[in-house]
Amino acid sequence: MSNQLLLRLGAACGIGAPIVGMAGFTLLATSGSFVSVSATEEQVARILASPASQQAFLGLFLESVGQILLLVFAARVWLALRQAEGEVAWLAAGAFGSALLLVATGTGAVAPEYALALGAGHGLGAPAVWPLHFLNMAFYVAAQGFTALFLALTATVTLKTRALPRWLGWSGLVLAAGNLLGLAMPTGDIAQMAPPFFYLWLLTTGIVLLRQPEQRHVAVGGQASMKMASSSQ
């Protein structure tokens, strides 16, 4: 398998991660096994009385796959940033590290929903539902801090070296600020608005990297110069 194909697969993961993840959440939320925040005690009891549907488990599976795709895409972004930043690529390393923590918190948000689905119809009581549900929401909010760091570091390297188009860098900074506000005000509208725009940024960046030819960046005098790869291997 050629390097160019692997690079394209990594970029494609940036397109797939938000699409697969949102498809999974949609399947889960529209299944009869999903407990919404506004659910009454009677609705919770009815949901827990029978095992979770296959649609719910399929939704959870796709959400998990979305996290895996995001991890692979983060490695692809790290490569582009590291090549552009040069030998002392600590900003690129920080961006990748923040992406790892983002995936960890994203997976943490899925785990309580898995617990609800597995426990339904198998003895899980209604009092246990709300702690699990709010734990899911807490992971969701916490992820916005790591999202902000990933975006800010990626944008900084982009604006310094043009590893990605500058408009992705500027938009990344704006979204980083939005996610920080979401972290600071988790009950405000911004906490719900920022993540969908991050998903759009991921998808757009994946398309850009997919269309971008393989490039090697060589640090010269503290600045990153760009060379086209001679050939794929």
Protein backbone atom coordinates (compact mmCIF):
# COMPACT_ATOMS: atom_id res chain seq x y z
CA MET A 1 0.00 0.00 0.00
CA SER A 2 1.52 3.34 -1.05
CA ASN A 3 2.23 6.23 1.32
CA GLN A 4 -0.02 8.47 -0.73
CA LEU A 5 -2.97 6.10 -0.29
CA LEU A 6 -2.37 5.92 3.46
CA LEU A 7 -2.26 9.71 3.66
CA ARG A 8 -5.54 9.93 1.78
CA LEU A 9 -7.13 7.34 4.07
CA GLY A 10 -6.02 9.37 7.08
CA ALA A 11 -7.54 12.51 5.58
CA ALA A 12 -10.76 10.65 4.73
CA CYS A 13 -11.11 9.77 8.42
CA GLY A 14 -11.60 13.48 9.07
CA ILE A 15 -14.60 13.37 6.75
CA GLY A 16 -15.92 10.14 8.17
CA ALA A 17 -15.55 10.96 11.89
CA PRO A 18 -18.25 13.65 12.15
CA ILE A 19 -20.58 11.95 9.66
CA VAL A 20 -20.40 8.53 11.32
CA GLY A 21 -20.55 10.01 14.82
CA MET A 22 -23.62 12.13 14.07
CA ALA A 23 -25.31 9.23 12.30
CA GLY A 24 -24.73 7.12 15.40
CA PHE A 25 -26.19 9.74 17.73
CA THR A 26 -29.21 10.16 15.46
CA LEU A 27 -29.88 6.41 15.51
CA LEU A 28 -29.53 6.33 19.30
CA ALA A 29 -31.70 9.40 19.90
CA THR A 30 -34.50 8.09 17.65
CA SER A 31 -34.48 4.61 19.16
CA GLY A 32 -37.01 3.70 21.81
CA SER A 33 -34.19 3.06 24.25
CA PHE A 34 -32.90 6.62 24.53
CA VAL A 35 -33.55 8.51 27.78
CA SER A 36 -33.84 12.24 27.14
CA VAL A 37 -33.19 14.88 29.79
CA SER A 38 -36.90 15.76 29.80
CA ALA A 39 -38.07 12.15 30.28
CA THR A 40 -40.60 11.55 33.05
CA GLU A 41 -40.29 8.79 35.66
CA GLU A 42 -42.95 6.80 33.83
CA GLN A 43 -41.03 7.07 30.54
CA VAL A 44 -37.78 6.01 32.20
CA ALA A 45 -39.47 3.02 33.82
CA ARG A 46 -40.96 1.97 30.48
CA ILE A 47 -37.58 2.23 28.72
CA LEU A 48 -35.85 0.19 31.42
CA ALA A 49 -38.52 -2.51 31.42
CA SER A 50 -37.29 -4.08 28.18
CA PRO A 51 -33.85 -4.67 26.64
CA ALA A 52 -32.41 -1.93 24.45
CA SER A 53 -33.14 -2.16 20.75
CA GLN A 54 -30.61 -3.14 18.13
CA GLN A 55 -30.95 0.37 16.71
CA ALA A 56 -29.66 1.79 19.98
CA PHE A 57 -26.64 -0.50 19.97
CA LEU A 58 -25.96 0.29 16.33
CA GLY A 59 -26.01 3.98 17.18
CA LEU A 60 -23.57 3.46 20.04
CA PHE A 61 -21.33 1.39 17.79
CA LEU A 62 -21.22 4.15 15.17
CA GLU A 63 -20.46 6.75 17.83
CA SER A 64 -17.53 4.62 18.96
CA VAL A 65 -16.32 4.19 15.37
CA GLY A 66 -16.49 7.95 15.00
CA GLN A 67 -14.04 8.31 17.89
CA ILE A 68 -11.67 5.82 16.27
CA LEU A 69 -11.79 7.71 12.99
CA LEU A 70 -11.10 10.97 14.85
CA LEU A 71 -8.01 9.41 16.41
CA VAL A 72 -6.65 8.36 13.02
CA PHE A 73 -7.39 11.80 11.58
CA ALA A 74 -5.61 13.48 14.47
CA ALA A 75 -2.49 11.51 13.57
CA ARG A 76 -2.83 12.71 9.96
CA VAL A 77 -3.14 16.33 11.09
CA TRP A 78 -0.16 15.88 13.41
CA LEU A 79 1.95 14.69 10.48
CA ALA A 80 1.09 17.76 8.42
CA LEU A 81 1.79 20.08 11.36
CA ARG A 82 5.05 18.36 12.36
CA GLN A 83 6.44 18.49 8.84
CA ALA A 84 5.58 22.18 8.62
CA GLU A 85 6.86 23.13 12.08
CA GLY A 86 10.26 21.50 11.67
CA GLU A 87 12.45 19.65 14.15
CA VAL A 88 11.21 21.33 17.34
CA ALA A 89 7.58 20.51 16.67
CA TRP A 90 6.21 20.93 20.17
CA LEU A 91 3.05 22.72 19.03
CA ALA A 92 2.23 19.82 16.70
CA ALA A 93 2.88 17.39 19.55
CA GLY A 94 0.60 19.41 21.81
CA ALA A 95 -2.13 19.38 19.20
CA PHE A 96 -1.91 15.60 18.90
CA GLY A 97 -1.87 15.18 22.68
CA SER A 98 -4.97 17.32 23.05
CA ALA A 99 -6.66 15.27 20.32
CA LEU A 100 -5.89 12.09 22.27
CA LEU A 101 -7.55 13.58 25.35
CA LEU A 102 -10.47 14.70 23.20
CA VAL A 103 -10.97 11.15 21.98
CA ALA A 104 -10.66 9.87 25.55
CA THR A 105 -13.40 12.21 26.80
CA GLY A 106 -15.52 11.47 23.75
CA THR A 107 -15.27 7.77 24.48
CA GLY A 108 -16.07 8.54 28.10
CA ALA A 109 -19.27 10.23 26.96
CA VAL A 110 -20.33 7.10 25.05
CA ALA A 111 -19.61 4.70 27.94
CA PRO A 112 -22.52 5.78 30.21
CA GLU A 113 -24.93 5.44 27.29
CA TYR A 114 -23.61 1.92 26.74
CA ALA A 115 -24.24 1.23 30.44
CA LEU A 116 -27.84 2.42 30.10
CA ALA A 117 -28.42 0.28 27.01
CA LEU A 118 -26.83 -2.81 28.56
CA GLY A 119 -28.72 -2.38 31.82
CA ALA A 120 -32.15 -1.86 30.27
CA GLY A 121 -34.27 -4.96 30.78
CA HIS A 122 -31.57 -6.50 32.99
CA GLY A 123 -32.23 -4.98 36.38
CA LEU A 124 -31.00 -1.41 35.98
CA GLY A 125 -33.14 0.75 38.25
CA ALA A 126 -34.48 4.20 37.50
CA PRO A 127 -32.36 5.89 40.22
CA ALA A 128 -29.19 4.87 38.35
CA VAL A 129 -30.29 6.46 35.09
CA TRP A 130 -29.74 10.11 35.93
CA PRO A 131 -26.20 9.78 37.34
CA LEU A 132 -25.21 7.93 34.15
CA HIS A 133 -27.01 10.42 31.95
CA PHE A 134 -25.40 13.45 33.57
CA LEU A 135 -22.01 11.74 33.52
CA ASN A 136 -22.45 11.51 29.74
CA MET A 137 -23.18 15.23 29.63
CA ALA A 138 -20.21 16.05 31.87
CA PHE A 139 -17.82 14.22 29.52
CA TYR A 140 -19.43 16.05 26.61
CA VAL A 141 -18.75 19.41 28.26
CA ALA A 142 -15.21 18.46 29.33
CA ALA A 143 -14.36 17.50 25.76
CA GLN A 144 -14.83 21.11 24.70
CA GLY A 145 -11.71 22.14 26.61
CA PHE A 146 -9.54 19.66 24.70
CA THR A 147 -11.31 20.63 21.47
CA ALA A 148 -10.35 24.25 22.10
CA LEU A 149 -6.70 23.33 22.74
CA PHE A 150 -6.50 21.13 19.64
CA LEU A 151 -7.98 23.88 17.48
CA ALA A 152 -5.83 26.63 18.97
CA LEU A 153 -2.55 24.74 18.52
CA THR A 154 -3.45 23.55 15.04
CA ALA A 155 -4.39 27.11 14.08
CA THR A 156 -1.16 28.52 15.50
CA VAL A 157 1.01 26.16 13.46
CA THR A 158 -1.16 26.77 10.39
CA LEU A 159 -0.84 30.54 10.61
CA LYS A 160 2.92 30.30 11.19
CA THR A 161 3.75 27.81 8.46
CA ARG A 162 0.69 27.47 6.19
CA ALA A 163 0.59 23.73 6.77
CA LEU A 164 -3.13 24.18 6.04
CA PRO A 165 -4.96 27.06 4.34
CA ARG A 166 -4.91 30.19 6.50
CA TRP A 167 -8.70 30.40 6.57
CA LEU A 168 -8.74 27.07 8.39
CA GLY A 169 -6.34 28.56 10.91
CA TRP A 170 -8.44 31.67 11.53
CA SER A 171 -11.68 29.70 11.71
CA GLY A 172 -9.97 27.28 14.09
CA LEU A 173 -9.12 30.14 16.46
CA VAL A 174 -12.72 31.36 16.41
CA LEU A 175 -14.01 27.86 17.14
CA ALA A 176 -11.42 27.39 19.89
CA ALA A 177 -12.81 30.50 21.61
CA GLY A 178 -16.35 29.20 21.17
CA ASN A 179 -15.50 25.85 22.74
CA LEU A 180 -13.78 27.56 25.66
CA LEU A 181 -16.94 29.57 26.24
CA GLY A 182 -18.92 26.34 26.10
CA LEU A 183 -16.64 24.89 28.77
CA ALA A 184 -17.08 27.99 30.93
CA MET A 185 -20.87 28.16 30.44
CA PRO A 186 -22.01 24.53 30.07
CA THR A 187 -25.69 25.38 30.53
CA GLY A 188 -25.63 28.16 27.93
CA ASP A 189 -26.52 27.93 24.26
CA ILE A 190 -22.86 28.22 23.24
CA ALA A 191 -22.16 24.79 24.76
CA GLN A 192 -24.62 23.27 22.29
CA MET A 193 -23.64 25.43 19.31
CA ALA A 194 -19.86 25.04 19.33
CA PRO A 195 -19.50 21.26 18.78
CA PRO A 196 -21.48 21.11 15.47
CA PHE A 197 -19.22 23.82 14.04
CA PHE A 198 -16.19 21.80 15.14
CA TYR A 199 -17.60 18.79 13.26
CA LEU A 200 -17.93 21.01 10.18
CA TRP A 201 -14.31 22.16 10.63
CA LEU A 202 -13.18 18.53 10.85
CA LEU A 203 -15.05 17.60 7.69
CA THR A 204 -13.67 20.61 5.80
CA THR A 205 -10.10 19.96 6.96
CA GLY A 206 -10.43 16.33 5.92
CA ILE A 207 -11.48 17.42 2.43
CA VAL A 208 -8.56 19.87 2.22
CA LEU A 209 -6.03 17.21 3.23
CA LEU A 210 -7.63 14.69 0.89
CA ARG A 211 -7.20 17.06 -2.05
CA GLN A 212 -3.75 18.24 -0.98
CA PRO A 213 -0.86 16.40 -2.65
CA GLU A 214 1.74 14.76 -0.46
CA GLN A 215 4.12 17.43 0.81
CA ARG A 216 7.32 17.44 2.79
CA HIS A 217 8.19 20.50 4.84
CA VAL A 218 11.81 21.21 5.65
CA ALA A 219 12.74 23.71 8.35
CA VAL A 220 15.20 26.27 7.06
CA GLY A 221 16.43 29.04 9.35
CA GLY A 222 13.46 28.70 11.67
CA GLN A 223 10.98 28.89 8.81
CA ALA A 224 9.31 25.91 7.17
CA SER A 225 9.78 25.57 3.45
CA MET A 226 7.59 23.23 1.46
CA LYS A 227 8.64 20.62 -1.07
CA MET A 228 6.49 18.29 -3.08
CA ALA A 229 7.15 14.63 -2.44
CA SER A 230 9.03 13.16 -5.35
CA SER A 231 6.90 10.06 -5.50
CA SER A 232 4.74 7.80 -3.39
CA GLN A 233 6.28 4.61 -2.14
